[in-house]
């Protein structure tokens, strides 16, 4: 029950069903999830350790916001580590069979844009980056990336319909796959770095344009 409560609550936070600043008592959450307070309480402790919520004595919990400074720093970390992963993967000069998950994700992005389905596009884009990091073959590097993944996901989903249509991402993904296939480690790292830096710039512009102090 603890795992079920944790996964359900975590998904609500990451998809902004429970938006930043959302507050609820343990009993309210338990009623929403249809379970007792004990698994809810244990799950809240896990979510607090991940930096997603603040547990407030006798007042339940509050979903923590993400500030512009948080996002700038998170993207700097993701950019550095993902670019390292791209470099490591390219050094192996992977063939099309190994690169298939990246190609599948990129094609899914293309189809989603044609249909105007931004949620499907975001899922395929995230799959691409998750596969890239995992395929590098360094578990500690992947763990470090994924420890920041949740907060970046929340901000991206919040701003998904405020950003320009993401037509450039597919092209940048294909350019990265080309560098990986060619075994160009420096080129792969450079393409990924610019891709992530552009995404970071777009997100920070939204904070500024809408005068958001947090999201």
N, C-alpha and C. Protein backbone atom coordinates (compact mmCIF):
# COMPACT_ATOMS: atom_id res chain seq x y z
N UNK A 1 0.82 -1.21 0.00
CA UNK A 1 0.00 0.00 0.00
C UNK A 1 0.86 1.27 0.00
N UNK A 2 2.00 1.19 0.68
CA UNK A 2 2.89 2.36 0.70
C UNK A 2 3.37 2.67 -0.71
N UNK A 3 3.78 1.64 -1.45
CA UNK A 3 4.26 1.85 -2.82
C UNK A 3 3.16 2.41 -3.71
N UNK A 4 1.94 1.89 -3.55
CA UNK A 4 0.83 2.38 -4.34
C UNK A 4 0.54 3.85 -4.03
N UNK A 5 0.54 4.18 -2.75
CA UNK A 5 0.30 5.56 -2.34
C UNK A 5 1.39 6.48 -2.87
N UNK A 6 2.63 6.03 -2.73
CA UNK A 6 3.78 6.83 -3.18
C UNK A 6 3.70 7.10 -4.68
N UNK A 7 3.45 6.06 -5.47
CA UNK A 7 3.40 6.22 -6.93
C UNK A 7 2.26 7.13 -7.35
N UNK A 8 1.11 6.97 -6.73
CA UNK A 8 -0.06 7.79 -7.06
C UNK A 8 0.19 9.25 -6.73
N UNK A 9 0.69 9.50 -5.53
CA UNK A 9 0.94 10.88 -5.10
C UNK A 9 2.05 11.52 -5.93
N UNK A 10 3.07 10.76 -6.21
CA UNK A 10 4.20 11.28 -7.00
C UNK A 10 3.72 11.67 -8.40
N UNK A 11 2.90 10.83 -9.01
CA UNK A 11 2.40 11.12 -10.36
C UNK A 11 1.52 12.37 -10.35
N UNK A 12 0.71 12.55 -9.33
CA UNK A 12 -0.13 13.74 -9.25
C UNK A 12 0.72 15.01 -9.15
N UNK A 13 1.83 14.92 -8.44
CA UNK A 13 2.72 16.07 -8.30
C UNK A 13 3.45 16.35 -9.61
N UNK A 14 4.01 15.31 -10.22
CA UNK A 14 4.81 15.50 -11.43
C UNK A 14 3.97 16.00 -12.60
N UNK A 15 2.70 15.58 -12.65
CA UNK A 15 1.83 16.01 -13.74
C UNK A 15 1.03 17.26 -13.39
N UNK A 16 1.37 17.88 -12.24
CA UNK A 16 0.75 19.12 -11.80
C UNK A 16 -0.75 18.99 -11.55
N UNK A 17 -1.21 17.76 -11.27
CA UNK A 17 -2.57 17.59 -10.76
C UNK A 17 -2.64 18.25 -9.39
N UNK A 18 -1.58 18.02 -8.60
CA UNK A 18 -1.37 18.78 -7.38
C UNK A 18 -0.31 19.82 -7.70
N UNK A 19 -0.75 21.03 -7.96
CA UNK A 19 0.15 22.09 -8.41
C UNK A 19 1.04 22.58 -7.27
N UNK A 20 2.15 23.27 -7.61
CA UNK A 20 3.00 23.85 -6.57
C UNK A 20 2.18 24.72 -5.61
N UNK A 21 2.39 24.51 -4.32
CA UNK A 21 1.64 25.25 -3.30
C UNK A 21 0.40 24.51 -2.81
N UNK A 22 0.02 23.43 -3.50
CA UNK A 22 -1.15 22.65 -3.08
C UNK A 22 -0.93 22.10 -1.68
N UNK A 23 -1.93 22.26 -0.81
CA UNK A 23 -1.84 21.74 0.56
C UNK A 23 -3.01 20.81 0.85
N UNK A 24 -2.75 19.79 1.65
CA UNK A 24 -3.81 18.86 2.05
C UNK A 24 -3.41 18.16 3.33
N UNK A 25 -4.40 17.84 4.13
CA UNK A 25 -4.18 17.05 5.33
C UNK A 25 -4.01 15.58 4.96
N UNK A 26 -3.35 14.84 5.84
CA UNK A 26 -3.18 13.40 5.61
C UNK A 26 -4.53 12.72 5.37
N UNK A 27 -5.52 13.10 6.16
CA UNK A 27 -6.83 12.47 6.05
C UNK A 27 -7.47 12.76 4.70
N UNK A 28 -7.31 13.99 4.20
CA UNK A 28 -7.85 14.35 2.88
C UNK A 28 -7.20 13.50 1.79
N UNK A 29 -5.88 13.35 1.88
CA UNK A 29 -5.16 12.57 0.87
C UNK A 29 -5.59 11.11 0.94
N UNK A 30 -5.71 10.59 2.16
CA UNK A 30 -6.13 9.19 2.33
C UNK A 30 -7.50 8.95 1.70
N UNK A 31 -8.41 9.91 1.85
CA UNK A 31 -9.74 9.78 1.26
C UNK A 31 -9.66 9.81 -0.27
N UNK A 32 -8.81 10.70 -0.80
CA UNK A 32 -8.64 10.77 -2.25
C UNK A 32 -8.10 9.46 -2.83
N UNK A 33 -7.18 8.84 -2.09
CA UNK A 33 -6.54 7.62 -2.58
C UNK A 33 -7.31 6.36 -2.19
N UNK A 34 -8.28 6.50 -1.29
CA UNK A 34 -9.06 5.36 -0.86
C UNK A 34 -8.28 4.38 0.00
N UNK A 35 -7.47 4.92 0.91
CA UNK A 35 -6.68 4.06 1.80
C UNK A 35 -6.52 4.73 3.15
N UNK A 36 -5.85 4.06 4.08
CA UNK A 36 -5.67 4.60 5.43
C UNK A 36 -4.56 5.64 5.45
N UNK A 37 -4.41 6.31 6.58
CA UNK A 37 -3.41 7.38 6.69
C UNK A 37 -2.00 6.85 6.79
N UNK A 38 -1.82 5.60 7.27
CA UNK A 38 -0.46 5.08 7.50
C UNK A 38 0.38 5.05 6.22
N UNK A 39 -0.08 4.44 5.13
CA UNK A 39 0.75 4.46 3.91
C UNK A 39 0.93 5.86 3.35
N UNK A 40 -0.07 6.73 3.56
CA UNK A 40 0.04 8.12 3.10
C UNK A 40 1.17 8.82 3.86
N UNK A 41 1.21 8.63 5.18
CA UNK A 41 2.24 9.27 6.00
C UNK A 41 3.64 8.81 5.58
N UNK A 42 3.81 7.50 5.37
CA UNK A 42 5.12 6.98 4.98
C UNK A 42 5.52 7.47 3.59
N UNK A 43 4.54 7.58 2.70
CA UNK A 43 4.83 8.06 1.35
C UNK A 43 5.23 9.53 1.37
N UNK A 44 4.59 10.32 2.22
CA UNK A 44 4.93 11.74 2.32
C UNK A 44 6.38 11.93 2.77
N UNK A 45 6.85 11.05 3.65
CA UNK A 45 8.25 11.14 4.09
C UNK A 45 9.18 10.90 2.91
N UNK A 46 8.87 9.91 2.07
CA UNK A 46 9.68 9.63 0.88
C UNK A 46 9.67 10.81 -0.08
N UNK A 47 8.49 11.38 -0.29
CA UNK A 47 8.38 12.51 -1.21
C UNK A 47 9.09 13.75 -0.67
N UNK A 48 9.08 13.90 0.64
CA UNK A 48 9.80 15.02 1.26
C UNK A 48 11.31 14.85 1.07
N UNK A 49 11.80 13.62 1.21
CA UNK A 49 13.22 13.36 1.01
C UNK A 49 13.65 13.62 -0.43
N UNK A 50 12.70 13.53 -1.38
CA UNK A 50 12.99 13.80 -2.79
C UNK A 50 12.84 15.27 -3.14
N UNK A 51 12.44 16.08 -2.17
CA UNK A 51 12.30 17.51 -2.41
C UNK A 51 11.03 17.91 -3.12
N UNK A 52 10.02 17.02 -3.13
CA UNK A 52 8.78 17.32 -3.84
C UNK A 52 7.72 17.93 -2.92
N UNK A 53 7.75 17.59 -1.64
CA UNK A 53 6.75 18.14 -0.72
C UNK A 53 7.43 18.56 0.58
N UNK A 54 6.71 19.37 1.32
CA UNK A 54 7.10 19.73 2.68
C UNK A 54 6.05 19.14 3.61
N UNK A 55 6.49 18.37 4.58
CA UNK A 55 5.57 17.81 5.56
C UNK A 55 5.40 18.82 6.69
N UNK A 56 4.15 19.21 6.94
CA UNK A 56 3.86 20.23 7.95
C UNK A 56 3.14 19.57 9.12
N UNK A 57 3.75 19.57 10.31
CA UNK A 57 3.12 18.92 11.46
C UNK A 57 1.70 19.42 11.69
N UNK A 58 0.78 18.49 11.84
CA UNK A 58 -0.65 18.74 12.11
C UNK A 58 -1.35 19.47 10.96
N UNK A 59 -0.64 19.72 9.85
CA UNK A 59 -1.28 20.41 8.73
C UNK A 59 -1.08 19.64 7.41
N UNK A 60 -0.58 18.43 7.53
CA UNK A 60 -0.44 17.60 6.33
C UNK A 60 0.80 17.93 5.53
N UNK A 61 0.61 18.29 4.26
CA UNK A 61 1.76 18.54 3.40
C UNK A 61 1.47 19.68 2.44
N UNK A 62 2.57 20.23 1.89
CA UNK A 62 2.48 21.26 0.85
C UNK A 62 3.42 20.87 -0.29
N UNK A 63 2.92 20.94 -1.53
CA UNK A 63 3.75 20.65 -2.69
C UNK A 63 4.72 21.81 -2.89
N UNK A 64 6.01 21.50 -2.94
CA UNK A 64 7.02 22.54 -3.05
C UNK A 64 7.11 23.09 -4.48
N UNK A 65 7.29 24.39 -4.61
CA UNK A 65 7.43 25.00 -5.93
C UNK A 65 8.86 24.85 -6.46
N UNK A 66 9.02 25.20 -7.74
CA UNK A 66 10.35 25.24 -8.36
C UNK A 66 10.58 26.67 -8.81
N UNK A 67 11.68 27.28 -8.38
CA UNK A 67 11.97 28.68 -8.71
C UNK A 67 12.82 28.78 -9.97
N UNK A 68 12.94 29.98 -10.57
CA UNK A 68 13.83 30.15 -11.72
C UNK A 68 15.27 29.75 -11.41
N UNK A 69 15.72 30.08 -10.21
CA UNK A 69 17.09 29.70 -9.83
C UNK A 69 17.23 28.19 -9.76
N UNK A 70 16.21 27.53 -9.18
CA UNK A 70 16.22 26.06 -9.13
C UNK A 70 16.36 25.48 -10.53
N UNK A 71 15.52 25.97 -11.46
CA UNK A 71 15.51 25.41 -12.80
C UNK A 71 16.81 25.68 -13.54
N UNK A 72 17.37 26.86 -13.37
CA UNK A 72 18.65 27.17 -14.01
C UNK A 72 19.72 26.20 -13.55
N UNK A 73 19.78 25.97 -12.25
CA UNK A 73 20.80 25.08 -11.70
C UNK A 73 20.55 23.62 -12.10
N UNK A 74 19.27 23.21 -12.09
CA UNK A 74 18.94 21.84 -12.48
C UNK A 74 19.32 21.59 -13.94
N UNK A 75 18.99 22.53 -14.82
CA UNK A 75 19.33 22.35 -16.22
C UNK A 75 20.84 22.37 -16.45
N UNK A 76 21.57 23.14 -15.68
CA UNK A 76 23.03 23.12 -15.80
C UNK A 76 23.58 21.73 -15.47
N UNK A 77 23.03 21.12 -14.42
CA UNK A 77 23.46 19.78 -14.03
C UNK A 77 23.06 18.76 -15.10
N UNK A 78 21.79 18.82 -15.53
CA UNK A 78 21.33 17.87 -16.55
C UNK A 78 22.11 18.01 -17.85
N UNK A 79 22.40 19.24 -18.23
CA UNK A 79 23.16 19.48 -19.47
C UNK A 79 24.54 18.83 -19.39
N UNK A 80 25.22 19.05 -18.27
CA UNK A 80 26.57 18.50 -18.12
C UNK A 80 26.56 16.98 -18.10
N UNK A 81 25.66 16.39 -17.32
CA UNK A 81 25.66 14.93 -17.18
C UNK A 81 25.13 14.22 -18.42
N UNK A 82 24.09 14.77 -19.04
CA UNK A 82 23.56 14.14 -20.25
C UNK A 82 24.57 14.23 -21.40
N UNK A 83 25.28 15.35 -21.47
CA UNK A 83 26.29 15.49 -22.53
C UNK A 83 27.42 14.49 -22.31
N UNK A 84 27.75 14.23 -21.06
CA UNK A 84 28.75 13.21 -20.76
C UNK A 84 28.25 11.83 -21.19
N UNK A 85 26.95 11.57 -20.93
CA UNK A 85 26.36 10.30 -21.34
C UNK A 85 26.41 10.15 -22.86
N UNK A 86 26.10 11.23 -23.59
CA UNK A 86 26.15 11.19 -25.05
C UNK A 86 27.57 10.90 -25.54
N UNK A 87 28.53 11.50 -24.88
CA UNK A 87 29.93 11.29 -25.24
C UNK A 87 30.35 9.84 -25.02
N UNK A 88 29.93 9.27 -23.90
CA UNK A 88 30.27 7.89 -23.58
C UNK A 88 29.62 6.92 -24.56
N UNK A 89 28.36 7.19 -24.91
CA UNK A 89 27.65 6.31 -25.85
C UNK A 89 28.28 6.39 -27.23
N UNK A 90 28.60 7.60 -27.69
CA UNK A 90 29.20 7.77 -29.02
C UNK A 90 30.54 7.08 -29.12
N UNK A 91 31.28 7.04 -28.02
CA UNK A 91 32.61 6.42 -28.04
C UNK A 91 32.54 4.94 -28.40
N UNK A 92 31.37 4.31 -28.17
CA UNK A 92 31.18 2.91 -28.53
C UNK A 92 30.79 2.75 -30.01
N UNK A 93 30.50 3.87 -30.67
CA UNK A 93 30.03 3.88 -32.06
C UNK A 93 28.89 2.87 -32.23
N UNK A 94 27.75 3.14 -31.58
CA UNK A 94 26.63 2.19 -31.62
C UNK A 94 26.01 2.09 -33.01
N UNK A 95 25.53 0.90 -33.34
CA UNK A 95 24.86 0.69 -34.62
C UNK A 95 23.38 1.00 -34.53
N UNK A 96 22.67 0.83 -35.63
CA UNK A 96 21.25 1.16 -35.67
C UNK A 96 20.42 0.32 -34.71
N UNK A 97 20.83 -0.92 -34.49
CA UNK A 97 20.08 -1.78 -33.58
C UNK A 97 20.11 -1.21 -32.17
N UNK A 98 21.27 -0.77 -31.73
CA UNK A 98 21.38 -0.20 -30.38
C UNK A 98 20.70 1.16 -30.30
N UNK A 99 20.71 1.90 -31.41
CA UNK A 99 20.14 3.24 -31.43
C UNK A 99 18.62 3.23 -31.66
N UNK A 100 18.05 2.05 -31.89
CA UNK A 100 16.63 1.97 -32.22
C UNK A 100 15.71 2.67 -31.22
N UNK A 101 15.93 2.51 -29.89
CA UNK A 101 15.03 3.20 -28.95
C UNK A 101 15.01 4.72 -29.14
N UNK A 102 16.15 5.30 -29.51
CA UNK A 102 16.21 6.74 -29.74
C UNK A 102 15.47 7.11 -31.02
N UNK A 103 15.60 6.28 -32.05
CA UNK A 103 14.91 6.53 -33.31
C UNK A 103 13.40 6.39 -33.13
N UNK A 104 12.98 5.38 -32.37
CA UNK A 104 11.55 5.17 -32.12
C UNK A 104 10.97 6.37 -31.38
N UNK A 105 11.69 6.86 -30.37
CA UNK A 105 11.20 8.01 -29.60
C UNK A 105 11.11 9.25 -30.47
N UNK A 106 12.09 9.45 -31.35
CA UNK A 106 12.09 10.62 -32.23
C UNK A 106 10.92 10.57 -33.21
N UNK A 107 10.66 9.40 -33.79
CA UNK A 107 9.53 9.26 -34.70
C UNK A 107 8.20 9.49 -33.97
N UNK A 108 8.13 9.05 -32.72
CA UNK A 108 6.92 9.28 -31.93
C UNK A 108 6.71 10.77 -31.69
N UNK A 109 7.81 11.50 -31.51
CA UNK A 109 7.71 12.96 -31.35
C UNK A 109 7.15 13.59 -32.62
N UNK A 110 7.66 13.16 -33.77
CA UNK A 110 7.19 13.70 -35.05
C UNK A 110 5.69 13.47 -35.22
N UNK A 111 5.25 12.25 -34.96
CA UNK A 111 3.83 11.91 -35.12
C UNK A 111 2.96 12.73 -34.16
N UNK A 112 3.45 12.91 -32.94
CA UNK A 112 2.67 13.66 -31.94
C UNK A 112 2.51 15.12 -32.37
N UNK A 113 3.56 15.71 -32.95
CA UNK A 113 3.46 17.09 -33.40
C UNK A 113 2.49 17.24 -34.56
N UNK A 114 2.50 16.27 -35.47
CA UNK A 114 1.56 16.30 -36.60
C UNK A 114 0.12 16.29 -36.09
N UNK A 115 -0.12 15.52 -35.03
CA UNK A 115 -1.46 15.42 -34.45
C UNK A 115 -1.77 16.57 -33.50
N UNK A 116 -0.75 17.36 -33.17
CA UNK A 116 -0.94 18.43 -32.20
C UNK A 116 -1.10 17.94 -30.78
N UNK A 117 -0.57 16.75 -30.49
CA UNK A 117 -0.70 16.13 -29.17
C UNK A 117 0.57 16.42 -28.37
N UNK A 118 0.57 17.53 -27.63
CA UNK A 118 1.76 17.94 -26.89
C UNK A 118 2.09 17.00 -25.74
N UNK A 119 1.08 16.39 -25.15
CA UNK A 119 1.35 15.46 -24.05
C UNK A 119 2.10 14.23 -24.57
N UNK A 120 1.68 13.71 -25.73
CA UNK A 120 2.38 12.57 -26.34
C UNK A 120 3.77 12.97 -26.78
N UNK A 121 3.91 14.19 -27.29
CA UNK A 121 5.24 14.69 -27.67
C UNK A 121 6.17 14.72 -26.46
N UNK A 122 5.67 15.26 -25.35
CA UNK A 122 6.49 15.37 -24.14
C UNK A 122 6.91 14.00 -23.62
N UNK A 123 5.99 13.02 -23.69
CA UNK A 123 6.32 11.66 -23.24
C UNK A 123 7.41 11.05 -24.12
N UNK A 124 7.31 11.24 -25.44
CA UNK A 124 8.33 10.70 -26.35
C UNK A 124 9.66 11.41 -26.17
N UNK A 125 9.63 12.71 -25.96
CA UNK A 125 10.86 13.47 -25.74
C UNK A 125 11.56 13.00 -24.47
N UNK A 126 10.79 12.80 -23.42
CA UNK A 126 11.36 12.34 -22.16
C UNK A 126 11.93 10.93 -22.32
N UNK A 127 11.24 10.08 -23.09
CA UNK A 127 11.73 8.73 -23.34
C UNK A 127 13.09 8.78 -24.05
N UNK A 128 13.25 9.68 -25.00
CA UNK A 128 14.51 9.82 -25.72
C UNK A 128 15.65 10.10 -24.74
N UNK A 129 15.44 11.09 -23.88
CA UNK A 129 16.51 11.48 -22.96
C UNK A 129 16.78 10.40 -21.91
N UNK A 130 15.74 9.74 -21.47
CA UNK A 130 15.91 8.65 -20.50
C UNK A 130 16.72 7.51 -21.12
N UNK A 131 16.39 7.15 -22.37
CA UNK A 131 17.13 6.09 -23.05
C UNK A 131 18.59 6.49 -23.27
N UNK A 132 18.80 7.74 -23.66
CA UNK A 132 20.16 8.22 -23.90
C UNK A 132 21.03 8.04 -22.66
N UNK A 133 20.51 8.46 -21.53
CA UNK A 133 21.28 8.38 -20.28
C UNK A 133 21.51 6.93 -19.88
N UNK A 134 20.48 6.11 -20.00
CA UNK A 134 20.59 4.70 -19.62
C UNK A 134 21.57 3.95 -20.51
N UNK A 135 21.51 4.23 -21.82
CA UNK A 135 22.36 3.52 -22.78
C UNK A 135 23.85 3.83 -22.61
N UNK A 136 24.17 4.92 -21.93
CA UNK A 136 25.58 5.24 -21.70
C UNK A 136 26.27 4.15 -20.88
N UNK A 137 25.48 3.45 -20.05
CA UNK A 137 26.04 2.31 -19.33
C UNK A 137 26.69 2.62 -18.00
N UNK A 138 26.49 3.85 -17.50
CA UNK A 138 27.07 4.22 -16.22
C UNK A 138 25.93 4.44 -15.23
N UNK A 139 25.71 3.48 -14.35
CA UNK A 139 24.55 3.51 -13.46
C UNK A 139 24.59 4.71 -12.51
N UNK A 140 25.77 5.04 -11.99
CA UNK A 140 25.85 6.17 -11.06
C UNK A 140 25.54 7.49 -11.76
N UNK A 141 25.99 7.61 -13.00
CA UNK A 141 25.67 8.81 -13.77
C UNK A 141 24.16 8.89 -13.99
N UNK A 142 23.54 7.77 -14.36
CA UNK A 142 22.09 7.75 -14.58
C UNK A 142 21.34 8.08 -13.30
N UNK A 143 21.77 7.53 -12.18
CA UNK A 143 21.12 7.82 -10.90
C UNK A 143 21.19 9.31 -10.57
N UNK A 144 22.34 9.93 -10.86
CA UNK A 144 22.52 11.36 -10.60
C UNK A 144 21.57 12.18 -11.46
N UNK A 145 21.44 11.82 -12.74
CA UNK A 145 20.53 12.53 -13.65
C UNK A 145 19.09 12.39 -13.17
N UNK A 146 18.69 11.16 -12.87
CA UNK A 146 17.28 10.92 -12.53
C UNK A 146 16.90 11.51 -11.17
N UNK A 147 17.88 11.81 -10.34
CA UNK A 147 17.57 12.44 -9.05
C UNK A 147 17.07 13.87 -9.25
N UNK A 148 17.39 14.48 -10.40
CA UNK A 148 16.92 15.83 -10.71
C UNK A 148 15.77 15.83 -11.71
N UNK A 149 15.48 14.65 -12.24
CA UNK A 149 14.52 14.51 -13.34
C UNK A 149 13.12 15.01 -12.97
N UNK A 150 12.66 14.69 -11.75
CA UNK A 150 11.29 14.97 -11.36
C UNK A 150 10.98 16.46 -11.38
N UNK A 151 11.88 17.27 -10.82
CA UNK A 151 11.60 18.70 -10.76
C UNK A 151 11.65 19.33 -12.15
N UNK A 152 12.54 18.84 -13.00
CA UNK A 152 12.58 19.33 -14.38
C UNK A 152 11.30 18.94 -15.12
N UNK A 153 10.82 17.72 -14.87
CA UNK A 153 9.59 17.25 -15.51
C UNK A 153 8.41 18.14 -15.13
N UNK A 154 8.30 18.47 -13.86
CA UNK A 154 7.19 19.31 -13.41
C UNK A 154 7.18 20.65 -14.12
N UNK A 155 8.34 21.29 -14.22
CA UNK A 155 8.42 22.60 -14.85
C UNK A 155 8.12 22.51 -16.34
N UNK A 156 8.61 21.43 -16.98
CA UNK A 156 8.37 21.27 -18.41
C UNK A 156 6.89 21.05 -18.70
N UNK A 157 6.22 20.25 -17.88
CA UNK A 157 4.80 20.00 -18.09
C UNK A 157 3.97 21.25 -17.80
N UNK A 158 4.39 22.01 -16.81
CA UNK A 158 3.69 23.25 -16.46
C UNK A 158 3.77 24.25 -17.61
N UNK A 159 4.93 24.30 -18.28
CA UNK A 159 5.16 25.31 -19.31
C UNK A 159 4.93 24.78 -20.72
N UNK A 160 4.47 23.54 -20.86
CA UNK A 160 4.40 22.88 -22.16
C UNK A 160 3.62 23.68 -23.18
N UNK A 161 2.52 24.26 -22.77
CA UNK A 161 1.66 25.01 -23.70
C UNK A 161 1.95 26.50 -23.70
N UNK A 162 2.96 26.91 -22.96
CA UNK A 162 3.37 28.32 -22.95
C UNK A 162 4.58 28.55 -23.84
N UNK A 163 5.27 27.46 -24.18
CA UNK A 163 6.47 27.56 -25.02
C UNK A 163 6.12 27.52 -26.50
N UNK A 164 7.06 27.92 -27.37
CA UNK A 164 6.83 27.78 -28.81
C UNK A 164 6.66 26.31 -29.17
N UNK A 165 5.96 26.04 -30.28
CA UNK A 165 5.81 24.66 -30.74
C UNK A 165 7.20 24.03 -30.91
N UNK A 166 7.44 22.87 -30.30
CA UNK A 166 8.81 22.31 -30.22
C UNK A 166 9.27 21.62 -31.51
N UNK A 167 9.29 22.36 -32.60
CA UNK A 167 9.68 21.76 -33.88
C UNK A 167 11.18 21.50 -33.97
N UNK A 168 11.98 22.25 -33.20
CA UNK A 168 13.43 22.10 -33.29
C UNK A 168 13.95 20.84 -32.60
N UNK A 169 13.21 20.37 -31.59
CA UNK A 169 13.71 19.25 -30.79
C UNK A 169 13.93 17.99 -31.63
N UNK A 170 13.00 17.70 -32.54
CA UNK A 170 13.14 16.50 -33.36
C UNK A 170 14.39 16.58 -34.23
N UNK A 171 14.63 17.74 -34.84
CA UNK A 171 15.82 17.92 -35.66
C UNK A 171 17.09 17.75 -34.83
N UNK A 172 17.08 18.30 -33.63
CA UNK A 172 18.25 18.21 -32.76
C UNK A 172 18.48 16.77 -32.31
N UNK A 173 17.40 16.04 -32.05
CA UNK A 173 17.53 14.64 -31.68
C UNK A 173 18.15 13.82 -32.82
N UNK A 174 17.70 14.08 -34.05
CA UNK A 174 18.24 13.35 -35.19
C UNK A 174 19.70 13.69 -35.42
N UNK A 175 20.07 14.95 -35.21
CA UNK A 175 21.47 15.35 -35.33
C UNK A 175 22.32 14.64 -34.29
N UNK A 176 21.77 14.47 -33.10
CA UNK A 176 22.49 13.76 -32.04
C UNK A 176 22.65 12.29 -32.41
N UNK A 177 21.60 11.66 -32.91
CA UNK A 177 21.69 10.26 -33.33
C UNK A 177 22.75 10.09 -34.41
N UNK A 178 22.83 11.02 -35.34
CA UNK A 178 23.85 10.97 -36.40
C UNK A 178 25.25 11.01 -35.81
N UNK A 179 25.47 11.86 -34.82
CA UNK A 179 26.80 11.97 -34.18
C UNK A 179 27.11 10.69 -33.40
N UNK A 180 26.10 10.11 -32.75
CA UNK A 180 26.30 8.86 -32.02
C UNK A 180 26.68 7.74 -32.97
N UNK A 181 25.94 7.63 -34.08
CA UNK A 181 26.19 6.58 -35.06
C UNK A 181 27.58 6.71 -35.67
N UNK A 182 28.03 7.94 -35.85
CA UNK A 182 29.35 8.19 -36.45
C UNK A 182 30.49 7.98 -35.46
N UNK A 183 30.15 7.80 -34.18
CA UNK A 183 31.20 7.63 -33.17
C UNK A 183 31.89 8.93 -32.83
N UNK A 184 31.22 10.06 -33.09
CA UNK A 184 31.78 11.39 -32.85
C UNK A 184 31.43 11.82 -31.42
N UNK A 185 32.27 11.46 -30.47
CA UNK A 185 31.98 11.72 -29.06
C UNK A 185 31.88 13.22 -28.77
N UNK A 186 32.84 14.00 -29.27
CA UNK A 186 32.82 15.44 -29.02
C UNK A 186 31.62 16.09 -29.69
N UNK A 187 31.31 15.65 -30.92
CA UNK A 187 30.15 16.20 -31.62
C UNK A 187 28.84 15.87 -30.94
N UNK A 188 28.70 14.64 -30.46
CA UNK A 188 27.48 14.23 -29.76
C UNK A 188 27.28 15.05 -28.50
N UNK A 189 28.36 15.25 -27.75
CA UNK A 189 28.27 16.05 -26.52
C UNK A 189 27.88 17.49 -26.84
N UNK A 190 28.45 18.04 -27.93
CA UNK A 190 28.16 19.43 -28.30
C UNK A 190 26.70 19.60 -28.73
N UNK A 191 26.19 18.66 -29.53
CA UNK A 191 24.80 18.74 -29.99
C UNK A 191 23.85 18.66 -28.80
N UNK A 192 24.10 17.72 -27.89
CA UNK A 192 23.23 17.58 -26.72
C UNK A 192 23.31 18.80 -25.82
N UNK A 193 24.50 19.35 -25.67
CA UNK A 193 24.68 20.53 -24.81
C UNK A 193 23.86 21.71 -25.34
N UNK A 194 23.94 21.95 -26.63
CA UNK A 194 23.19 23.06 -27.21
C UNK A 194 21.68 22.81 -27.12
N UNK A 195 21.28 21.57 -27.31
CA UNK A 195 19.86 21.20 -27.22
C UNK A 195 19.32 21.50 -25.83
N UNK A 196 20.02 21.08 -24.81
CA UNK A 196 19.58 21.31 -23.44
C UNK A 196 19.65 22.79 -23.07
N UNK A 197 20.68 23.48 -23.53
CA UNK A 197 20.81 24.89 -23.21
C UNK A 197 19.68 25.70 -23.84
N UNK A 198 19.29 25.34 -25.06
CA UNK A 198 18.16 26.03 -25.70
C UNK A 198 16.88 25.81 -24.89
N UNK A 199 16.64 24.57 -24.47
CA UNK A 199 15.45 24.27 -23.67
C UNK A 199 15.44 25.06 -22.37
N UNK A 200 16.60 25.18 -21.77
CA UNK A 200 16.71 25.95 -20.53
C UNK A 200 16.40 27.42 -20.76
N UNK A 201 16.92 27.97 -21.86
CA UNK A 201 16.65 29.38 -22.17
C UNK A 201 15.16 29.62 -22.38
N UNK A 202 14.50 28.72 -23.10
CA UNK A 202 13.07 28.87 -23.36
C UNK A 202 12.26 28.84 -22.07
N UNK A 203 12.65 27.94 -21.17
CA UNK A 203 11.92 27.82 -19.91
C UNK A 203 12.10 29.06 -19.04
N UNK A 204 13.32 29.57 -18.98
CA UNK A 204 13.59 30.74 -18.15
C UNK A 204 12.92 31.99 -18.72
N UNK A 205 12.77 32.05 -20.04
CA UNK A 205 12.04 33.17 -20.66
C UNK A 205 10.59 33.17 -20.19
N UNK A 206 10.01 31.98 -20.03
CA UNK A 206 8.62 31.89 -19.57
C UNK A 206 8.49 32.43 -18.15
N UNK A 207 9.43 32.08 -17.29
CA UNK A 207 9.43 32.63 -15.93
C UNK A 207 9.41 34.16 -15.99
N UNK A 208 10.27 34.70 -16.87
CA UNK A 208 10.40 36.16 -16.96
C UNK A 208 9.17 36.79 -17.61
N UNK A 209 8.69 36.21 -18.70
CA UNK A 209 7.56 36.80 -19.44
C UNK A 209 6.30 36.87 -18.59
N UNK A 210 6.05 35.81 -17.84
CA UNK A 210 4.83 35.76 -17.04
C UNK A 210 5.08 36.19 -15.59
N UNK A 211 6.31 36.68 -15.35
CA UNK A 211 6.67 37.20 -14.02
C UNK A 211 6.41 36.16 -12.93
N UNK A 212 6.80 34.93 -13.24
CA UNK A 212 6.60 33.85 -12.28
C UNK A 212 7.79 33.82 -11.31
N UNK A 213 7.48 33.77 -10.05
CA UNK A 213 8.53 33.61 -9.05
C UNK A 213 8.80 32.13 -8.77
N UNK A 214 7.84 31.31 -9.20
CA UNK A 214 7.97 29.86 -8.98
C UNK A 214 6.93 29.16 -9.84
N UNK A 215 7.12 27.85 -10.02
CA UNK A 215 6.11 27.05 -10.71
C UNK A 215 6.14 25.64 -10.16
